[in-house]
Amino acid sequence: MPIRAFVPDDLAPLIELTIDTFRPFYEDSFRPLVGEVVFAGLHDDWRGDYRKQIAELYAPERHAYVAVAETEDGIAGYVAWSVDPARRTGSVTHLAVAARHRQHRLGTTLCEHAFAQMRTLGAESVEIGTGGDSFHAPARALYESLGCTPFPVTYYYREL
């Protein structure tokens, strides 16, 4: 599957893909777990948050990039990353793969593409994060299969 650089016409499909990918986390996992008060304070407008975030992902002047995997049916997935040239580090900020393209190594291919681009830009290490909940288990397995080392962090939420 061809991987190419982001173009402005990709913005709307990337927003739609991101919202489709993460809706089950926000609506079926996180909201029921933390309750309405905590959810409203943190992620009440998660769709709107993604609309803003995704629009700002591609900014080469800030060393921020996006690559898109495309099929004849449209965008199958994307990866976004940034590089800090002074620290020689990279960070994968977003990864989303359409449901029908999961389990076909597309996430691996996208991450490896981003890693190669980061190396080209001088990065010597990469950071990539995900959740510890069951929704994010496939992402954890992917990152570990790529040789990434997990560092556990726990967040606690409580209604006051």
C-alpha atoms as a PDB file:
ATOM      1  CA  MET A   1       0.000   0.000   0.000  1.00  0.00           C
ATOM      2  CA  PRO A   2       1.536   3.319  -1.010  1.00  0.00           C
ATOM      3  CA  ILE A   3       2.472   5.791   1.701  1.00  0.00           C
ATOM      4  CA  ARG A   4       2.742   9.432   0.772  1.00  0.00           C
ATOM      5  CA  ALA A   5       3.113  12.833   2.360  1.00  0.00           C
ATOM      6  CA  PHE A   6       0.064  14.708   3.631  1.00  0.00           C
ATOM      7  CA  VAL A   7      -1.667  17.144   1.267  1.00  0.00           C
ATOM      8  CA  PRO A   8      -4.297  19.695   2.347  1.00  0.00           C
ATOM      9  CA  ASP A   9      -7.129  17.681   0.737  1.00  0.00           C
ATOM     10  CA  ASP A  10      -6.384  14.911   3.270  1.00  0.00           C
ATOM     11  CA  LEU A  11      -7.520  16.997   6.237  1.00  0.00           C
ATOM     12  CA  ALA A  12     -11.247  16.145   6.250  1.00  0.00           C
ATOM     13  CA  PRO A  13     -10.713  12.386   5.709  1.00  0.00           C
ATOM     14  CA  LEU A  14      -8.027  12.302   8.440  1.00  0.00           C
ATOM     15  CA  ILE A  15     -10.365  14.003  10.883  1.00  0.00           C
ATOM     16  CA  GLU A  16     -13.137  11.538  10.026  1.00  0.00           C
ATOM     17  CA  LEU A  17     -10.757   8.559  10.354  1.00  0.00           C
ATOM     18  CA  THR A  18      -9.480   9.787  13.725  1.00  0.00           C
ATOM     19  CA  ILE A  19     -12.980  10.285  15.107  1.00  0.00           C
ATOM     20  CA  ASP A  20     -14.086   6.853  13.808  1.00  0.00           C
ATOM     21  CA  THR A  21     -10.989   5.192  15.267  1.00  0.00           C
ATOM     22  CA  PHE A  22     -11.199   6.703  18.744  1.00  0.00           C
ATOM     23  CA  ARG A  23     -14.986   6.927  19.237  1.00  0.00           C
ATOM     24  CA  PRO A  24     -15.101   3.495  20.936  1.00  0.00           C
ATOM     25  CA  PHE A  25     -12.438   4.598  23.406  1.00  0.00           C
ATOM     26  CA  TYR A  26     -14.133   7.848  24.398  1.00  0.00           C
ATOM     27  CA  GLU A  27     -17.747   6.695  24.307  1.00  0.00           C
ATOM     28  CA  ASP A  28     -17.585   2.997  25.238  1.00  0.00           C
ATOM     29  CA  SER A  29     -14.523   2.841  27.469  1.00  0.00           C
ATOM     30  CA  PHE A  30     -13.402   6.126  29.011  1.00  0.00           C
ATOM     31  CA  ARG A  31     -16.809   7.782  29.586  1.00  0.00           C
ATOM     32  CA  PRO A  32     -18.346   4.788  31.425  1.00  0.00           C
ATOM     33  CA  LEU A  33     -15.169   4.260  33.456  1.00  0.00           C
ATOM     34  CA  VAL A  34     -14.705   7.812  34.790  1.00  0.00           C
ATOM     35  CA  GLY A  35     -18.333   9.023  34.829  1.00  0.00           C
ATOM     36  CA  GLU A  36     -20.004  12.039  33.305  1.00  0.00           C
ATOM     37  CA  VAL A  37     -18.495  14.764  35.512  1.00  0.00           C
ATOM     38  CA  VAL A  38     -14.877  13.753  34.897  1.00  0.00           C
ATOM     39  CA  PHE A  39     -15.567  13.002  31.227  1.00  0.00           C
ATOM     40  CA  ALA A  40     -17.203  16.392  30.690  1.00  0.00           C
ATOM     41  CA  GLY A  41     -14.252  18.190  32.241  1.00  0.00           C
ATOM     42  CA  LEU A  42     -11.638  16.348  30.224  1.00  0.00           C
ATOM     43  CA  HIS A  43     -13.119  15.224  26.922  1.00  0.00           C
ATOM     44  CA  ASP A  44     -16.663  16.548  26.547  1.00  0.00           C
ATOM     45  CA  ASP A  45     -15.826  17.870  23.070  1.00  0.00           C
ATOM     46  CA  TRP A  46     -13.323  15.197  22.056  1.00  0.00           C
ATOM     47  CA  ARG A  47     -14.514  15.335  18.437  1.00  0.00           C
ATOM     48  CA  GLY A  48     -13.953  19.091  18.314  1.00  0.00           C
ATOM     49  CA  ASP A  49     -10.585  18.632  19.996  1.00  0.00           C
ATOM     50  CA  TYR A  50      -9.558  16.226  17.239  1.00  0.00           C
ATOM     51  CA  ARG A  51     -10.789  18.613  14.544  1.00  0.00           C
ATOM     52  CA  LYS A  52      -8.399  21.244  15.936  1.00  0.00           C
ATOM     53  CA  GLN A  53      -5.501  18.840  16.623  1.00  0.00           C
ATOM     54  CA  ILE A  54      -5.537  17.136  13.249  1.00  0.00           C
ATOM     55  CA  ALA A  55      -5.620  20.487  11.453  1.00  0.00           C
ATOM     56  CA  GLU A  56      -2.352  21.396  13.202  1.00  0.00           C
ATOM     57  CA  LEU A  57      -0.460  18.118  12.742  1.00  0.00           C
ATOM     58  CA  TYR A  58       1.303  18.993   9.493  1.00  0.00           C
ATOM     59  CA  ALA A  59       3.630  21.912  10.135  1.00  0.00           C
ATOM     60  CA  PRO A  60       7.082  21.390   8.621  1.00  0.00           C
ATOM     61  CA  GLU A  61       8.179  24.763  10.006  1.00  0.00           C
ATOM     62  CA  ARG A  62       7.725  23.165  13.448  1.00  0.00           C
ATOM     63  CA  HIS A  63       9.281  19.857  12.324  1.00  0.00           C
ATOM     64  CA  ALA A  64       5.858  18.164  12.382  1.00  0.00           C
ATOM     65  CA  TYR A  65       4.862  15.777   9.610  1.00  0.00           C
ATOM     66  CA  VAL A  66       2.090  13.434   8.465  1.00  0.00           C
ATOM     67  CA  ALA A  67       2.193  10.431   6.137  1.00  0.00           C
ATOM     68  CA  VAL A  68      -0.894   8.823   4.660  1.00  0.00           C
ATOM     69  CA  ALA A  69      -1.549   5.266   3.456  1.00  0.00           C
ATOM     70  CA  GLU A  70      -3.968   5.323   0.579  1.00  0.00           C
ATOM     71  CA  THR A  71      -5.928   2.712  -1.331  1.00  0.00           C
ATOM     72  CA  GLU A  72      -8.255   3.032  -4.281  1.00  0.00           C
ATOM     73  CA  ASP A  73     -11.066   3.380  -1.693  1.00  0.00           C
ATOM     74  CA  GLY A  74      -9.423   6.320   0.070  1.00  0.00           C
ATOM     75  CA  ILE A  75      -7.253   6.790   3.118  1.00  0.00           C
ATOM     76  CA  ALA A  76      -6.531   3.576   5.001  1.00  0.00           C
ATOM     77  CA  GLY A  77      -4.454   5.115   7.778  1.00  0.00           C
ATOM     78  CA  TYR A  78      -1.987   7.782   8.764  1.00  0.00           C
ATOM     79  CA  VAL A  79       0.841   8.542  11.130  1.00  0.00           C
ATOM     80  CA  ALA A  80       1.904  11.933  12.469  1.00  0.00           C
ATOM     81  CA  TRP A  81       5.240  12.688  14.072  1.00  0.00           C
ATOM     82  CA  SER A  82       7.493  15.504  15.128  1.00  0.00           C
ATOM     83  CA  VAL A  83      11.231  15.861  15.551  1.00  0.00           C
ATOM     84  CA  ASP A  84      13.207  17.973  17.993  1.00  0.00           C
ATOM     85  CA  PRO A  85      16.463  18.500  16.083  1.00  0.00           C
ATOM     86  CA  ALA A  86      18.295  19.999  19.070  1.00  0.00           C
ATOM     87  CA  ARG A  87      17.557  16.970  21.263  1.00  0.00           C
ATOM     88  CA  ARG A  88      17.788  14.520  18.329  1.00  0.00           C
ATOM     89  CA  THR A  89      14.483  12.947  19.377  1.00  0.00           C
ATOM     90  CA  GLY A  90      11.257  12.141  17.606  1.00  0.00           C
ATOM     91  CA  SER A  91       7.715  11.575  18.765  1.00  0.00           C
ATOM     92  CA  VAL A  92       4.852   9.742  17.090  1.00  0.00           C
ATOM     93  CA  THR A  93       1.867  11.877  18.015  1.00  0.00           C
ATOM     94  CA  HIS A  94      -0.991  10.155  16.153  1.00  0.00           C
ATOM     95  CA  LEU A  95      -1.577   6.813  14.498  1.00  0.00           C
ATOM     96  CA  ALA A  96      -4.912   5.712  13.091  1.00  0.00           C
ATOM     97  CA  VAL A  97      -5.818   2.829  10.815  1.00  0.00           C
ATOM     98  CA  ALA A  98      -9.293   2.309   9.349  1.00  0.00           C
ATOM     99  CA  ALA A  99     -11.039  -0.740  10.839  1.00  0.00           C
ATOM    100  CA  ARG A 100     -11.102  -2.658   7.558  1.00  0.00           C
ATOM    101  CA  HIS A 101      -7.312  -2.313   7.220  1.00  0.00           C
ATOM    102  CA  ARG A 102      -6.347  -3.414  10.724  1.00  0.00           C
ATOM    103  CA  GLN A 103      -4.506  -6.687  11.292  1.00  0.00           C
ATOM    104  CA  HIS A 104      -2.668  -6.305   7.962  1.00  0.00           C
ATOM    105  CA  ARG A 105       0.520  -4.692   9.349  1.00  0.00           C
ATOM    106  CA  LEU A 106      -0.450  -1.214   8.159  1.00  0.00           C
ATOM    107  CA  GLY A 107       0.221   0.271  11.599  1.00  0.00           C
ATOM    108  CA  THR A 108       3.671  -1.321  11.525  1.00  0.00           C
ATOM    109  CA  THR A 109       4.353   0.022   8.041  1.00  0.00           C
ATOM    110  CA  LEU A 110       3.246   3.526   8.998  1.00  0.00           C
ATOM    111  CA  CYS A 111       5.375   3.545  12.166  1.00  0.00           C
ATOM    112  CA  GLU A 112       8.421   2.234  10.315  1.00  0.00           C
ATOM    113  CA  HIS A 113       7.924   4.951   7.698  1.00  0.00           C
ATOM    114  CA  ALA A 114       7.796   7.620  10.398  1.00  0.00           C
ATOM    115  CA  PHE A 115      10.869   6.154  12.140  1.00  0.00           C
ATOM    116  CA  ALA A 116      12.837   6.257   8.872  1.00  0.00           C
ATOM    117  CA  GLN A 117      11.810   9.862   8.258  1.00  0.00           C
ATOM    118  CA  MET A 118      12.818  10.805  11.805  1.00  0.00           C
ATOM    119  CA  ARG A 119      16.243   9.210  11.326  1.00  0.00           C
ATOM    120  CA  THR A 120      16.659  11.216   8.112  1.00  0.00           C
ATOM    121  CA  LEU A 121      15.923  14.364  10.134  1.00  0.00           C
ATOM    122  CA  GLY A 122      18.574  13.472  12.720  1.00  0.00           C
ATOM    123  CA  ALA A 123      16.521  11.789  15.424  1.00  0.00           C
ATOM    124  CA  GLU A 124      18.286   9.071  17.384  1.00  0.00           C
ATOM    125  CA  SER A 125      15.348   7.971  19.528  1.00  0.00           C
ATOM    126  CA  VAL A 126      11.572   8.035  19.395  1.00  0.00           C
ATOM    127  CA  GLU A 127       8.777   8.345  21.917  1.00  0.00           C
ATOM    128  CA  ILE A 128       5.366   6.839  21.240  1.00  0.00           C
ATOM    129  CA  GLY A 129       2.584   6.607  23.793  1.00  0.00           C
ATOM    130  CA  THR A 130      -0.745   4.912  24.258  1.00  0.00           C
ATOM    131  CA  GLY A 131      -3.232   3.988  26.954  1.00  0.00           C
ATOM    132  CA  GLY A 132      -3.034   1.099  29.388  1.00  0.00           C
ATOM    133  CA  ASP A 133      -6.692   0.117  28.969  1.00  0.00           C
ATOM    134  CA  SER A 134      -8.049  -2.746  26.885  1.00  0.00           C
ATOM    135  CA  PHE A 135      -8.957  -0.463  23.955  1.00  0.00           C
ATOM    136  CA  HIS A 136      -5.277   0.399  23.527  1.00  0.00           C
ATOM    137  CA  ALA A 137      -3.964  -3.195  23.890  1.00  0.00           C
ATOM    138  CA  PRO A 138      -3.420  -3.584  20.119  1.00  0.00           C
ATOM    139  CA  ALA A 139      -1.365  -0.363  20.075  1.00  0.00           C
ATOM    140  CA  ARG A 140       0.767  -1.575  22.982  1.00  0.00           C
ATOM    141  CA  ALA A 141       1.382  -4.874  21.180  1.00  0.00           C
ATOM    142  CA  LEU A 142       2.316  -3.012  17.988  1.00  0.00           C
ATOM    143  CA  TYR A 143       4.787  -0.697  19.713  1.00  0.00           C
ATOM    144  CA  GLU A 144       6.405  -3.560  21.603  1.00  0.00           C
ATOM    145  CA  SER A 145       6.700  -5.543  18.351  1.00  0.00           C
ATOM    146  CA  LEU A 146       8.601  -2.550  16.936  1.00  0.00           C
ATOM    147  CA  GLY A 147      11.126  -2.834  19.755  1.00  0.00           C
ATOM    148  CA  CYS A 148       9.775   0.015  21.872  1.00  0.00           C
ATOM    149  CA  THR A 149      10.215  -0.265  25.631  1.00  0.00           C
ATOM    150  CA  PRO A 150       7.125   0.495  27.730  1.00  0.00           C
ATOM    151  CA  PHE A 151       7.361   2.791  30.726  1.00  0.00           C
ATOM    152  CA  PRO A 152       4.261   2.495  32.922  1.00  0.00           C
ATOM    153  CA  VAL A 153       2.434   5.656  33.939  1.00  0.00           C
ATOM    154  CA  THR A 154      -0.871   5.654  35.777  1.00  0.00           C
ATOM    155  CA  TYR A 155      -3.446   8.439  35.843  1.00  0.00           C
ATOM    156  CA  TYR A 156      -6.227   8.517  38.406  1.00  0.00           C
ATOM    157  CA  TYR A 157      -9.536  10.356  38.012  1.00  0.00           C
ATOM    158  CA  ARG A 158     -12.137  11.217  40.595  1.00  0.00           C
ATOM    159  CA  GLU A 159     -15.222  13.367  40.739  1.00  0.00           C
ATOM    160  CA  LEU A 160     -14.936  15.954  43.504  1.00  0.00           C
END
